[in-house]
Amino acid sequence: MQSKRLVSLGDSFTEGVGDEDPAAPNGVRGWADRVAEQLATREPDFRYANLAIRGKLMGQVLAEQLEPALAMAPDLVTLYAGGNDLMRPKVDIDALMAGYEAAVEKIRATGARLVLFTGVDGVEDVLFRRIRGRVAIYNEFVRAIAARHGALLVDMWAMRQLRDRRLWAPDRLHLNPLGHAEIAIAVLAALGVDHPLTASELGPRDVLSPSQRRAQNLRWAQEHALPWVRRRLRGESSGDTLTPKRPTLEPVGSAPLPR
C-alpha cells in the first residue's frame, strides 16, 4: 500500500537527536527523515510532517501533537512516546498506557496505518539496565495495544544490534546516524517497502580495561549525565525552546544517497 501523507509524532527519538545534520531543521536528521526519503521515491505526491520534539513526556506528546497530526489527514502515522516518562523517578505505567491506547484508537479510527515501537533492551548499559523492568512492562502494553488495534510494530527490544554502543551517540541516550539507519530499515521492513539502505557492519568490539571504562564513564557523567540532572531539578527540558522540525505536510525533495 502506497502512502502519500506521513506524520511522525514523539520525542527526541523521532525528532532525530543524535543524528546531527546542520542542514536539517532543528539540526538533526534521524530515522523518520530516512523513511520519508525512501517513501518519497515511490510516490510523486508524497508529503511528510514531523511534530516530534526532544524531552517531551507522553502526556505532552499526545496533548500537543495528536490533534494537529490528525488535522493533516495522514494515511500513515508513526508514534513513539513514553521513554522520558520511564526515566523519571516515579511513573504510573498503567495510567500512562491508558492514554497511549486512547490515542492509538483515535488514530486507527481515521483509517491511517500506524507504526508503533517497543523500547530498547538496555541490559548491557549501566544506565538503561536500571529501568529494564519498566521498559519490559511498557513493551508488553505496546505489543498488546498494537495487536488489538491492528497497528504495525517495530520491536526494538528484539533488535539485538541496538545493544552495541557503537550505534549510540556519546550521550548514551540517543542513537547516532548508524543507529537511526537501523531503525529506518526496521520501519521500512514493517511497511513492506523495498529500499537500498544497508545495515551497519561494525566488526568486533574493542575491549576496554577497567581503568579505561572508568575514565569513559566519568567523562560521560560530566558531559552528559550532570547537565541532564540539572535540567530535571530546574524543571527544564532540552526541547523547551524548540518547535517541530516539520510542522506541516511538505514534499521531502530528492532522497539523498543512503548511508
Protein backbone atom coordinates (compact mmCIF):
# COMPACT_ATOMS: atom_id res chain seq x y z
CA MET A 1 0.00 0.00 0.00
CA GLN A 2 1.44 3.36 -1.06
CA SER A 3 1.47 6.19 1.47
CA LYS A 4 1.10 9.83 0.43
CA ARG A 5 0.97 11.61 3.80
CA LEU A 6 3.25 10.62 6.68
CA VAL A 7 3.10 12.34 10.06
CA SER A 8 5.56 11.34 12.80
CA LEU A 9 4.86 12.02 16.48
CA GLY A 10 7.06 11.71 19.54
CA ASP A 11 10.15 12.90 21.34
CA SER A 12 13.89 13.05 20.61
CA PHE A 13 13.91 9.52 19.16
CA THR A 14 11.61 10.58 16.30
CA GLU A 15 12.95 14.13 16.02
CA GLY A 16 16.32 12.57 15.20
CA VAL A 17 18.53 13.67 18.10
CA GLY A 18 21.95 12.04 17.90
CA ASP A 19 21.96 12.15 14.11
CA GLU A 20 23.37 15.64 13.77
CA ASP A 21 22.91 17.43 10.43
CA PRO A 22 23.41 21.23 10.35
CA ALA A 23 21.46 21.44 7.09
CA ALA A 24 18.35 19.77 8.56
CA PRO A 25 15.59 21.51 10.54
CA ASN A 26 16.49 21.61 14.28
CA GLY A 27 19.96 20.44 13.21
CA VAL A 28 19.07 16.73 13.15
CA ARG A 29 18.07 14.16 10.55
CA GLY A 30 17.02 10.82 12.07
CA TRP A 31 15.24 7.62 11.10
CA ALA A 32 11.90 9.29 10.29
CA ASP A 33 13.54 11.54 7.71
CA ARG A 34 15.25 8.50 6.19
CA VAL A 35 11.95 6.63 5.96
CA ALA A 36 10.26 9.65 4.39
CA GLU A 37 13.06 9.98 1.85
CA GLN A 38 12.57 6.39 0.73
CA LEU A 39 8.77 6.64 0.59
CA ALA A 40 9.06 9.82 -1.46
CA THR A 41 10.94 7.98 -4.20
CA ARG A 42 7.87 5.76 -4.70
CA GLU A 43 5.11 8.35 -4.56
CA PRO A 44 5.41 11.63 -6.53
CA ASP A 45 2.81 13.40 -4.36
CA PHE A 46 4.31 12.24 -1.06
CA ARG A 47 4.24 14.71 1.86
CA TYR A 48 5.85 14.43 5.29
CA ALA A 49 5.46 16.20 8.65
CA ASN A 50 7.43 15.56 11.83
CA LEU A 51 5.97 17.05 15.02
CA ALA A 52 8.34 15.32 17.47
CA ILE A 53 10.25 17.45 19.98
CA ARG A 54 13.02 16.26 22.28
CA GLY A 55 12.35 15.96 26.00
CA LYS A 56 8.58 15.55 25.73
CA LEU A 57 6.71 13.28 28.11
CA MET A 58 3.96 11.07 26.72
CA GLY A 59 1.19 13.32 28.00
CA GLN A 60 2.80 16.29 26.27
CA VAL A 61 3.25 14.38 23.01
CA LEU A 62 -0.40 13.35 22.95
CA ALA A 63 -1.76 16.73 24.12
CA GLU A 64 0.36 18.84 21.77
CA GLN A 65 0.86 16.69 18.69
CA LEU A 66 -2.09 14.32 18.23
CA GLU A 67 -4.80 16.75 17.14
CA PRO A 68 -2.53 18.75 14.79
CA ALA A 69 -1.44 15.44 13.26
CA LEU A 70 -4.99 14.20 12.71
CA ALA A 71 -5.95 17.55 11.18
CA MET A 72 -3.50 16.79 8.37
CA ALA A 73 -5.47 13.65 7.45
CA PRO A 74 -2.38 11.42 7.23
CA ASP A 75 -2.60 7.95 5.75
CA LEU A 76 0.50 6.84 7.70
CA VAL A 77 1.44 7.79 11.28
CA THR A 78 4.40 6.81 13.44
CA LEU A 79 4.14 7.16 17.21
CA TYR A 80 6.74 6.67 19.91
CA ALA A 81 6.38 8.23 23.34
CA GLY A 82 6.98 7.25 26.96
CA GLY A 83 10.74 6.85 27.09
CA ASN A 84 11.20 10.08 29.05
CA ASP A 85 8.44 9.05 31.46
CA LEU A 86 10.17 5.74 32.16
CA MET A 87 13.34 7.55 33.19
CA ARG A 88 11.54 9.66 35.81
CA PRO A 89 11.85 8.61 39.50
CA LYS A 90 8.17 7.59 39.58
CA VAL A 91 5.81 6.58 36.77
CA ASP A 92 2.34 5.02 36.69
CA ILE A 93 2.73 2.79 33.65
CA ASP A 94 -0.89 1.62 33.71
CA ALA A 95 -2.19 5.20 33.56
CA LEU A 96 0.46 6.14 31.02
CA MET A 97 -0.58 3.37 28.65
CA ALA A 98 -4.30 4.03 29.04
CA GLY A 99 -3.75 7.43 27.45
CA TYR A 100 -1.50 5.87 24.84
CA GLU A 101 -4.14 3.32 23.84
CA ALA A 102 -6.80 6.02 23.57
CA ALA A 103 -4.53 7.88 21.14
CA VAL A 104 -3.86 4.70 19.16
CA GLU A 105 -7.59 4.04 18.90
CA LYS A 106 -8.19 7.59 17.71
CA ILE A 107 -5.50 7.37 15.02
CA ARG A 108 -6.66 3.98 13.76
CA ALA A 109 -10.28 5.19 13.62
CA THR A 110 -9.24 7.52 10.79
CA GLY A 111 -8.13 4.56 8.68
CA ALA A 112 -4.48 5.61 8.77
CA ARG A 113 -1.83 2.94 9.09
CA LEU A 114 0.06 3.28 12.35
CA VAL A 115 3.60 2.23 13.30
CA LEU A 116 4.35 1.72 17.00
CA PHE A 117 7.65 0.93 18.74
CA THR A 118 8.73 -1.00 21.80
CA GLY A 119 11.60 0.28 23.91
CA VAL A 120 15.19 -0.93 23.51
CA ASP A 121 16.67 -3.62 25.77
CA GLY A 122 19.31 -1.78 27.79
CA VAL A 123 20.71 -4.87 29.52
CA GLU A 124 24.30 -4.03 28.54
CA ASP A 125 24.18 -0.37 29.62
CA VAL A 126 24.56 0.68 33.25
CA LEU A 127 22.02 3.49 32.87
CA PHE A 128 19.27 1.67 30.97
CA ARG A 129 19.71 -1.53 32.97
CA ARG A 130 18.20 0.22 35.99
CA ILE A 131 14.88 0.74 34.20
CA ARG A 132 14.88 -2.53 32.25
CA GLY A 133 11.89 -3.87 34.17
CA ARG A 134 9.86 -0.75 33.47
CA VAL A 135 10.70 -0.91 29.78
CA ALA A 136 9.68 -4.58 29.64
CA ILE A 137 6.26 -3.78 31.15
CA TYR A 138 5.84 -0.83 28.76
CA ASN A 139 6.72 -3.12 25.86
CA GLU A 140 4.07 -5.67 26.80
CA PHE A 141 1.47 -2.92 26.79
CA VAL A 142 2.66 -1.73 23.36
CA ARG A 143 2.56 -5.22 21.87
CA ALA A 144 -0.94 -5.87 23.18
CA ILE A 145 -2.23 -2.47 22.04
CA ALA A 146 -0.71 -2.92 18.58
CA ALA A 147 -2.39 -6.32 18.26
CA ARG A 148 -5.77 -5.05 19.46
CA HIS A 149 -5.85 -2.13 17.06
CA GLY A 150 -4.12 -3.57 14.02
CA ALA A 151 -1.04 -1.35 14.24
CA LEU A 152 2.33 -2.26 12.77
CA LEU A 153 5.07 -2.86 15.32
CA VAL A 154 8.82 -2.24 15.30
CA ASP A 155 10.11 -4.36 18.17
CA MET A 156 13.31 -2.57 19.15
CA TRP A 157 13.67 -4.85 22.19
CA ALA A 158 14.28 -7.72 19.74
CA MET A 159 16.83 -5.76 17.70
CA ARG A 160 19.94 -7.12 19.40
CA GLN A 161 22.21 -4.91 17.30
CA LEU A 162 20.91 -1.92 19.29
CA ARG A 163 22.76 -3.26 22.33
CA ASP A 164 26.00 -2.25 20.61
CA ARG A 165 27.02 1.14 21.98
CA ARG A 166 28.66 1.99 18.64
CA LEU A 167 25.13 2.66 17.35
CA TRP A 168 24.59 5.30 20.06
CA ALA A 169 25.59 8.93 20.41
CA PRO A 170 28.10 9.98 23.09
CA ASP A 171 25.27 10.89 25.49
CA ARG A 172 24.23 7.18 25.57
CA LEU A 173 20.57 8.25 25.39
CA HIS A 174 20.17 8.76 21.65
CA LEU A 175 21.05 6.77 18.56
CA ASN A 176 23.81 8.03 16.27
CA PRO A 177 23.48 8.06 12.44
CA LEU A 178 24.20 4.32 12.26
CA GLY A 179 21.54 3.61 14.87
CA HIS A 180 18.95 5.82 13.17
CA ALA A 181 19.66 4.00 9.90
CA GLU A 182 18.92 0.67 11.65
CA ILE A 183 15.54 1.98 12.80
CA ALA A 184 14.72 3.28 9.32
CA ILE A 185 15.44 -0.18 7.91
CA ALA A 186 13.17 -1.78 10.51
CA VAL A 187 10.32 0.67 9.82
CA LEU A 188 10.55 0.15 6.08
CA ALA A 189 10.51 -3.61 6.66
CA ALA A 190 7.35 -3.29 8.78
CA LEU A 191 5.77 -1.29 5.94
CA GLY A 192 6.83 -3.88 3.37
CA VAL A 193 8.82 -1.32 1.38
CA ASP A 194 11.91 -2.29 -0.61
CA HIS A 195 14.83 0.09 -0.21
CA PRO A 196 18.60 0.43 -0.75
CA LEU A 197 19.53 1.06 2.90
CA THR A 198 22.02 -1.38 4.38
CA ALA A 199 22.69 -2.47 7.95
CA SER A 200 25.94 -1.47 9.65
CA GLU A 201 28.93 -3.81 9.60
CA LEU A 202 30.83 -2.84 12.72
CA GLY A 203 33.09 -5.82 13.31
CA PRO A 204 34.32 -6.95 16.77
CA ARG A 205 34.00 -4.51 19.65
CA ASP A 206 37.06 -3.04 21.35
CA VAL A 207 37.73 -4.48 24.79
CA LEU A 208 38.24 -1.74 27.39
CA SER A 209 40.32 -2.16 30.52
CA PRO A 210 38.66 -1.35 33.86
CA SER A 211 40.55 1.95 34.05
CA GLN A 212 39.52 2.91 30.52
CA ARG A 213 35.90 2.09 31.30
CA ARG A 214 36.02 4.19 34.50
CA ALA A 215 37.52 7.13 32.62
CA GLN A 216 34.89 6.81 29.91
CA ASN A 217 32.06 6.69 32.46
CA LEU A 218 33.44 9.70 34.33
CA ARG A 219 33.66 11.75 31.14
CA TRP A 220 30.10 10.77 30.21
CA ALA A 221 28.83 11.74 33.69
CA GLN A 222 30.46 15.16 33.50
CA GLU A 223 29.48 15.97 29.93
CA HIS A 224 26.01 14.44 29.71
CA ALA A 225 24.56 12.99 32.92
CA LEU A 226 25.08 16.01 35.19
CA PRO A 227 23.60 18.54 32.75
CA TRP A 228 20.58 16.24 32.32
CA VAL A 229 20.11 16.02 36.10
CA ARG A 230 20.41 19.80 36.49
CA ARG A 231 17.70 20.33 33.87
CA ARG A 232 15.42 17.89 35.69
CA LEU A 233 15.98 19.70 39.00
CA ARG A 234 15.14 23.04 37.37
CA GLY A 235 12.06 21.58 35.67
CA GLU A 236 13.56 22.30 32.26
CA SER A 237 13.64 20.26 29.07
CA SER A 238 16.07 20.30 26.18
CA GLY A 239 13.10 20.90 23.88
CA ASP A 240 11.54 23.84 25.77
CA THR A 241 12.59 26.44 23.18
CA LEU A 242 12.15 24.26 20.09
CA THR A 243 9.32 23.96 17.61
CA PRO A 244 8.58 20.92 15.41
CA LYS A 245 11.15 20.43 12.67
CA ARG A 246 8.46 19.83 10.01
CA PRO A 247 5.18 21.26 11.38
CA THR A 248 3.20 20.85 8.16
CA LEU A 249 2.98 18.31 5.36
CA GLU A 250 5.61 19.24 2.79
CA PRO A 251 7.44 17.46 -0.04
CA VAL A 252 10.61 15.71 1.00
CA GLY A 253 12.56 16.55 -2.16
CA SER A 254 15.05 14.24 -3.80
CA ALA A 255 16.25 11.48 -1.48
CA PRO A 256 19.97 11.66 -0.55
CA LEU A 257 22.21 8.68 -1.02
CA PRO A 258 21.58 6.01 1.63
CA ARG A 259 24.08 5.74 4.45
